[in-house]
Amino acid sequence: MYRNLSVFLQFGVAQEVRPGLYELTDRFKQHHHYQLCRVCGLRSGFWDEGLERALEKTAEKAGFVLEEH
């Protein structure tokens, strides 16, 4: 299992979201963000088109091309 994880990380199939928590990269699932409760650790994924547009607009104003965040 862990040998497979290291190969997935090496080839960009998986990524470490936080220490000890891994998920597939955006190439293998829909892009999303997380809300995380710092008290209980509950993690909830979400998608927000307005947030995506705001991030792109902020990058554009700074002269960047947003490739990932």
Foldseek 3Di string as FASTA:
>chain_A
DVVVVVVCCVVQQKDAPDVPDIDGDCVVDPDWDWDADPPPGDIDTDDDPVVVVVVCVVQVVVVHHDDDD
